[in-house]
Protein backbone atom coordinates (compact mmCIF):
# COMPACT_ATOMS: atom_id res chain seq x y z
CA MET A 1 0.92 30.52 16.82
CA TYR A 2 -1.65 28.28 15.12
CA ALA A 3 -3.92 31.25 14.37
CA GLU A 4 -1.03 33.07 12.69
CA LEU A 5 -0.09 30.01 10.64
CA ARG A 6 -3.71 29.63 9.60
CA ALA A 7 -3.84 33.31 8.58
CA ILE A 8 -0.71 32.83 6.44
CA ALA A 9 -2.26 29.74 4.87
CA ALA A 10 -5.47 31.65 4.16
CA ARG A 11 -3.43 34.44 2.55
CA HIS A 12 -1.65 31.93 0.34
CA LEU A 13 -4.91 30.25 -0.63
CA GLY A 14 -6.58 33.61 -1.20
CA ALA A 15 -4.30 34.07 -4.18
CA GLU A 16 -5.34 30.73 -5.62
CA ARG A 17 -8.19 30.15 -8.02
CA PRO A 18 -11.67 29.88 -6.49
CA GLY A 19 -12.65 26.35 -5.51
CA HIS A 20 -9.10 25.26 -4.65
CA THR A 21 -9.08 21.75 -3.22
CA LEU A 22 -6.75 22.58 -0.33
CA GLN A 23 -8.11 24.28 2.77
CA PRO A 24 -6.08 26.47 5.20
CA THR A 25 -6.21 23.80 7.92
CA ALA A 26 -4.84 21.12 5.59
CA LEU A 27 -2.10 23.47 4.39
CA VAL A 28 -1.09 24.31 7.99
CA ASN A 29 -1.08 20.62 8.95
CA GLU A 30 1.08 19.64 5.98
CA ALA A 31 3.44 22.55 6.65
CA TYR A 32 3.69 21.48 10.28
CA LEU A 33 4.71 17.97 9.26
CA ARG A 34 7.41 19.40 7.03
CA LEU A 35 8.58 21.78 9.79
CA ARG A 36 8.88 18.83 12.18
CA GLY A 37 11.01 17.06 9.60
CA LEU A 38 13.51 19.92 9.58
CA GLY A 39 14.93 18.78 12.89
CA GLY A 40 17.22 21.08 14.83
CA VAL A 41 16.72 24.35 13.01
CA PRO A 42 17.80 27.24 15.27
CA TRP A 43 14.74 29.52 15.23
CA HIS A 44 15.92 33.11 15.70
CA ASP A 45 12.51 34.43 16.66
CA ARG A 46 8.81 34.15 15.95
CA THR A 47 9.07 36.08 12.67
CA HIS A 48 11.79 33.73 11.44
CA PHE A 49 9.63 30.70 12.22
CA LEU A 50 6.60 32.20 10.46
CA ALA A 51 8.71 33.13 7.42
CA ILE A 52 10.00 29.56 7.10
CA ALA A 53 6.47 28.19 7.58
CA SER A 54 5.23 30.52 4.84
CA ARG A 55 7.98 29.37 2.49
CA ILE A 56 7.04 25.74 3.13
CA MET A 57 3.37 26.53 2.43
CA ARG A 58 4.39 28.14 -0.85
CA ARG A 59 6.35 25.02 -1.80
CA LEU A 60 3.35 22.83 -0.94
CA LEU A 61 1.06 24.93 -3.14
CA VAL A 62 3.55 24.85 -6.00
CA ASP A 63 3.83 21.06 -5.70
CA HIS A 64 0.03 20.84 -5.69
CA ALA A 65 -0.17 23.12 -8.74
CA ARG A 66 2.42 21.05 -10.61
CA ALA A 67 0.40 17.93 -9.99
CA LYS A 68 -2.72 19.67 -11.34
CA VAL A 69 -0.92 20.92 -14.46
CA ALA A 70 0.55 17.47 -15.04
CA GLN A 71 -3.01 16.17 -15.26
CA LYS A 72 -3.78 18.71 -17.99
CA ARG A 73 -0.82 18.07 -20.29
CA GLY A 74 -0.78 20.11 -23.42
CA ALA A 75 -2.95 22.95 -22.11
CA ASP A 76 -2.07 26.44 -23.32
CA VAL A 77 -0.62 27.95 -20.13
CA PRO A 78 -1.16 31.69 -19.61
CA ARG A 79 1.59 33.84 -18.13
CA VAL A 80 1.10 35.46 -14.74
CA VAL A 81 0.59 39.22 -14.84
CA ILE A 82 1.64 41.33 -11.89
CA HIS A 83 -0.63 44.31 -11.32
CA GLU A 84 -0.25 47.47 -9.23
CA GLY A 85 -1.41 45.69 -6.08
CA PHE A 86 1.81 43.68 -6.12
CA ASP A 87 3.51 46.83 -4.85
CA GLU A 88 1.68 46.56 -1.55
CA GLY A 89 2.07 42.78 -1.31
CA VAL A 90 -1.55 42.22 -2.38
CA GLN A 91 -1.71 38.98 -4.28
CA PRO A 92 -3.64 38.70 -7.50
CA SER A 93 -5.65 35.52 -7.97
CA MET A 94 -3.49 32.93 -9.71
CA ASP A 95 -4.28 29.63 -11.29
CA ALA A 96 -1.93 26.66 -10.99
CA ALA A 97 0.07 27.46 -14.13
CA GLU A 98 0.58 31.08 -13.07
CA LEU A 99 1.77 29.99 -9.63
CA ILE A 100 4.27 27.62 -11.27
CA ASP A 101 5.50 30.46 -13.51
CA LEU A 102 5.96 32.70 -10.48
CA ASP A 103 7.78 29.95 -8.61
CA ARG A 104 10.17 29.38 -11.53
CA ALA A 105 10.80 33.12 -11.81
CA LEU A 106 11.52 33.32 -8.07
CA ASP A 107 13.94 30.41 -8.35
CA GLU A 108 15.76 32.24 -11.17
CA LEU A 109 15.83 35.43 -9.12
CA ALA A 110 17.14 33.49 -6.11
CA ALA A 111 20.01 32.11 -8.19
CA ALA A 112 21.07 35.62 -9.20
CA ALA A 113 20.04 37.62 -6.12
CA PRO A 114 19.00 35.53 -3.12
CA ARG A 115 18.15 38.51 -0.91
CA LEU A 116 15.76 39.91 -3.50
CA ALA A 117 13.97 36.59 -3.88
CA ARG A 118 13.73 36.25 -0.11
CA LEU A 119 12.28 39.77 0.11
CA VAL A 120 9.60 38.87 -2.45
CA GLU A 121 8.72 35.75 -0.47
CA LEU A 122 8.47 37.71 2.77
CA ARG A 123 6.36 40.50 1.28
CA PHE A 124 4.26 38.70 -1.31
CA PHE A 125 3.69 35.33 0.33
CA SER A 126 4.11 36.06 4.05
CA GLY A 127 2.45 39.47 3.93
CA LEU A 128 5.19 41.20 5.90
CA GLY A 129 5.61 44.95 5.65
CA ILE A 130 8.81 46.49 4.32
CA ASP A 131 10.05 47.27 7.86
CA GLU A 132 9.49 43.71 9.11
CA ALA A 133 11.08 42.20 6.00
CA SER A 134 14.12 44.48 6.17
CA SER A 135 14.61 43.58 9.82
CA LEU A 136 14.43 39.86 9.07
CA LEU A 137 16.85 40.26 6.14
CA GLY A 138 19.26 42.36 8.20
CA CYS A 139 19.26 45.36 5.87
CA SER A 140 18.03 48.93 6.12
CA THR A 141 14.48 49.87 5.20
CA ARG A 142 15.85 52.03 2.40
CA THR A 143 17.78 49.10 0.94
CA ALA A 144 14.70 46.87 1.23
CA LYS A 145 12.58 49.48 -0.60
CA ARG A 146 15.17 49.71 -3.38
CA ASP A 147 15.41 45.90 -3.58
CA TRP A 148 11.60 45.62 -3.62
CA ALA A 149 11.32 48.03 -6.54
CA PHE A 150 14.00 46.15 -8.48
CA ALA A 151 12.56 42.70 -7.71
CA ARG A 152 9.07 43.76 -8.79
CA ALA A 153 10.41 45.19 -12.05
CA TRP A 154 12.52 42.08 -12.68
CA LEU A 155 9.58 39.74 -12.02
CA LEU A 156 7.23 41.84 -14.13
CA ASN A 157 9.68 41.65 -17.01
CA ARG A 158 10.40 37.93 -16.57
CA LEU A 159 6.74 36.94 -16.27
CA THR A 160 5.38 39.06 -19.12
CA VAL A 161 8.24 38.56 -21.57
CA GLY A 162 9.22 35.01 -20.61
CA PRO A 163 12.63 33.34 -20.13
């Protein structure tokens, strides 16, 4: 399980700017501490556990990015741009401000359409395929593909146009 958590952490950090101060091991360790703090969560299966761990890692990176941006108050923050690779769940490199923008956009999407936001987290951050994500979400592959197309378009619009 540790190797899989480390691979997820490496995937998350691979989307970060070069020279990021966090390392995969530190991210896994911090995520583990947060997972322990969750208490009696009923884990449905291995995939469910890994998805929750990935979500926690994302939150940790966003918190880290917010702290970095807070140090650079007043900087002109660029918007994140989603390229074609986003379709396959390939993450573009993002700096702290772009990661914060993406996190805010995902929070907005989650408020309007929780399943779509969850699908983006599973595909983009956890690296799950459409079949694995649809299974975890309890919907058909066809529905997940339709949701994925909509979520990508919504995020592209939100992140390039702004709120």
